[in-house]
Amino acid sequence: MTIYTIGYEGATMAGFIATLQAAGVRRVIDVRALPLSRRPGFSKSPLAASLGEAGIDYVHLKALGTTKRGRDAAKKGDVATLTAVYEVQLDLPEAQAQAAQMLALADEMPSALLCFERDPCHCHRTLLLRAVGEGREVVNLNV
């Protein structure tokens, strides 16, 4: 199975959707703790609406997001702190349950994990898939 990841940093909605469609993605799994964005169209409700119009399902799994400390570390490129913070997050029962849900959803149809960071090396979505995505091919989409 393949799981895609995508960051919307610097993306337009049209480019974002075109990238998903070109890869055959049919579901976006939002792994942001706070699905809010200063980028127009990328907050939860407008994003879900735009994806729906394009025939792409949207699911938000809040417990797979990272805390403010983790987000701040990601913004600074401090992968060591991000990793330490996110390991604690993934140990939480609700994160474990949503990780299992995420894998089941991704097994149903081609899915992409969504977060802000363009570079997956500076994002918790990479840490998430390293922790729970064993046996799956990970493809990072670039908008």
Protein backbone atom coordinates (compact mmCIF):
# COMPACT_ATOMS: atom_id res chain seq x y z
CA MET A 1 0.00 0.00 0.00
CA THR A 2 1.06 3.56 -0.72
CA ILE A 3 0.41 6.52 1.54
CA TYR A 4 0.99 10.00 0.16
CA THR A 5 1.94 13.08 2.14
CA ILE A 6 1.51 16.68 1.14
CA GLY A 7 2.28 20.07 2.65
CA TYR A 8 0.47 23.17 1.48
CA GLU A 9 3.19 25.70 2.38
CA GLY A 10 3.35 28.15 -0.53
CA ALA A 11 0.62 26.34 -2.48
CA THR A 12 -2.46 27.70 -4.17
CA MET A 13 -5.66 25.74 -3.79
CA ALA A 14 -5.75 25.04 -7.53
CA GLY A 15 -2.19 23.71 -7.52
CA PHE A 16 -2.82 21.71 -4.37
CA ILE A 17 -5.90 19.99 -5.80
CA ALA A 18 -4.23 19.43 -9.18
CA THR A 19 -1.29 17.72 -7.44
CA LEU A 20 -3.62 15.43 -5.49
CA GLN A 21 -5.63 14.56 -8.59
CA ALA A 22 -2.52 13.87 -10.68
CA ALA A 23 -1.39 11.35 -8.04
CA GLY A 24 -4.82 9.71 -7.90
CA VAL A 25 -5.44 10.74 -4.28
CA ARG A 26 -9.11 10.35 -3.33
CA ARG A 27 -8.91 11.22 0.38
CA VAL A 28 -6.99 13.83 2.38
CA ILE A 29 -6.29 12.96 6.00
CA ASP A 30 -5.57 16.17 7.86
CA VAL A 31 -3.08 15.48 10.67
CA ARG A 32 -2.91 19.03 12.00
CA ALA A 33 -3.82 19.48 15.66
CA LEU A 34 -5.32 22.85 14.76
CA PRO A 35 -6.79 22.76 11.25
CA LEU A 36 -6.55 26.53 10.87
CA SER A 37 -4.45 28.40 8.37
CA ARG A 38 -3.62 31.95 7.43
CA ARG A 39 -3.44 30.71 3.84
CA PRO A 40 -6.83 31.33 2.25
CA GLY A 41 -8.79 28.13 1.76
CA PHE A 42 -6.65 25.84 3.91
CA SER A 43 -8.62 26.00 7.17
CA LYS A 44 -10.77 22.96 7.87
CA SER A 45 -14.22 23.98 6.54
CA PRO A 46 -13.17 25.75 3.33
CA LEU A 47 -10.57 23.05 2.64
CA ALA A 48 -13.13 20.27 3.08
CA ALA A 49 -15.52 22.13 0.77
CA SER A 50 -12.91 22.66 -1.97
CA LEU A 51 -11.78 19.05 -1.78
CA GLY A 52 -15.39 17.85 -1.85
CA GLU A 53 -16.05 19.87 -5.03
CA ALA A 54 -13.04 18.10 -6.58
CA GLY A 55 -14.36 14.68 -5.53
CA ILE A 56 -11.78 14.21 -2.78
CA ASP A 57 -12.85 13.06 0.70
CA TYR A 58 -11.61 14.94 3.78
CA VAL A 59 -10.99 13.54 7.28
CA HIS A 60 -9.45 15.40 10.22
CA LEU A 61 -7.58 13.34 12.83
CA LYS A 62 -6.73 15.90 15.50
CA ALA A 63 -4.93 13.51 17.86
CA LEU A 64 -2.27 12.90 15.19
CA GLY A 65 -1.29 16.56 15.23
CA THR A 66 1.56 17.94 17.27
CA THR A 67 1.55 20.37 20.16
CA LYS A 68 2.54 24.02 19.91
CA ARG A 69 6.03 23.11 21.10
CA GLY A 70 6.31 20.60 18.25
CA ARG A 71 4.94 23.08 15.69
CA ASP A 72 7.40 25.73 16.88
CA ALA A 73 10.28 23.25 16.56
CA ALA A 74 9.16 22.35 13.03
CA LYS A 75 9.07 26.05 12.03
CA LYS A 76 12.66 26.42 13.28
CA GLY A 77 13.82 23.24 11.55
CA ASP A 78 14.60 21.72 14.98
CA VAL A 79 13.89 18.11 14.03
CA ALA A 80 15.36 16.71 17.27
CA THR A 81 12.86 18.61 19.44
CA LEU A 82 10.00 17.88 17.03
CA THR A 83 10.84 14.19 17.19
CA ALA A 84 11.00 14.13 21.00
CA VAL A 85 7.72 16.01 21.35
CA TYR A 86 5.93 13.90 18.77
CA GLU A 87 7.06 10.59 20.26
CA VAL A 88 5.24 11.60 23.47
CA GLN A 89 2.16 12.56 21.43
CA LEU A 90 2.07 9.20 19.65
CA ASP A 91 2.14 7.34 22.96
CA LEU A 92 -1.23 8.81 23.93
CA PRO A 93 -4.18 6.39 23.66
CA GLU A 94 -6.19 8.76 21.44
CA ALA A 95 -3.22 9.11 19.06
CA GLN A 96 -2.82 5.32 18.94
CA ALA A 97 -6.52 4.94 18.11
CA GLN A 98 -6.40 7.59 15.41
CA ALA A 99 -3.20 6.14 13.93
CA ALA A 100 -5.04 2.84 13.48
CA GLN A 101 -7.97 4.74 11.97
CA MET A 102 -5.62 6.60 9.62
CA LEU A 103 -4.12 3.34 8.34
CA ALA A 104 -7.57 1.82 7.82
CA LEU A 105 -8.71 4.91 5.90
CA ALA A 106 -5.57 4.87 3.75
CA ASP A 107 -6.14 1.18 3.01
CA GLU A 108 -9.65 1.96 1.70
CA MET A 109 -8.56 4.39 -1.01
CA PRO A 110 -5.50 6.40 -2.11
CA SER A 111 -4.94 8.93 0.68
CA ALA A 112 -2.58 11.79 1.49
CA LEU A 113 -1.61 12.99 4.94
CA LEU A 114 -1.84 16.77 5.08
CA CYS A 115 0.12 19.28 7.10
CA PHE A 116 1.61 22.71 6.46
CA GLU A 117 5.32 22.10 5.91
CA ARG A 118 6.40 21.67 2.31
CA ASP A 119 9.53 19.72 3.31
CA PRO A 120 8.41 16.40 4.84
CA CYS A 121 11.73 16.15 6.71
CA HIS A 122 10.59 19.09 8.87
CA CYS A 123 7.11 17.75 9.51
CA HIS A 124 5.55 15.34 11.96
CA ARG A 125 3.74 13.49 9.14
CA THR A 126 7.07 11.81 8.34
CA LEU A 127 7.54 10.85 11.99
CA LEU A 128 3.99 9.49 12.08
CA LEU A 129 4.54 7.22 9.10
CA ARG A 130 7.92 6.05 10.40
CA ALA A 131 6.20 5.05 13.65
CA VAL A 132 3.09 3.34 12.27
CA GLY A 133 3.44 2.96 8.50
CA GLU A 134 5.53 -0.19 8.37
CA GLY A 135 5.15 -2.08 5.11
CA ARG A 136 3.73 0.92 3.27
CA GLU A 137 5.37 2.93 0.54
CA VAL A 138 5.45 6.66 1.35
CA VAL A 139 5.27 9.14 -1.51
CA ASN A 140 5.76 12.83 -0.71
CA LEU A 141 3.86 15.04 -3.14
CA ASN A 142 5.25 18.45 -4.04
CA VAL A 143 2.86 21.25 -4.94
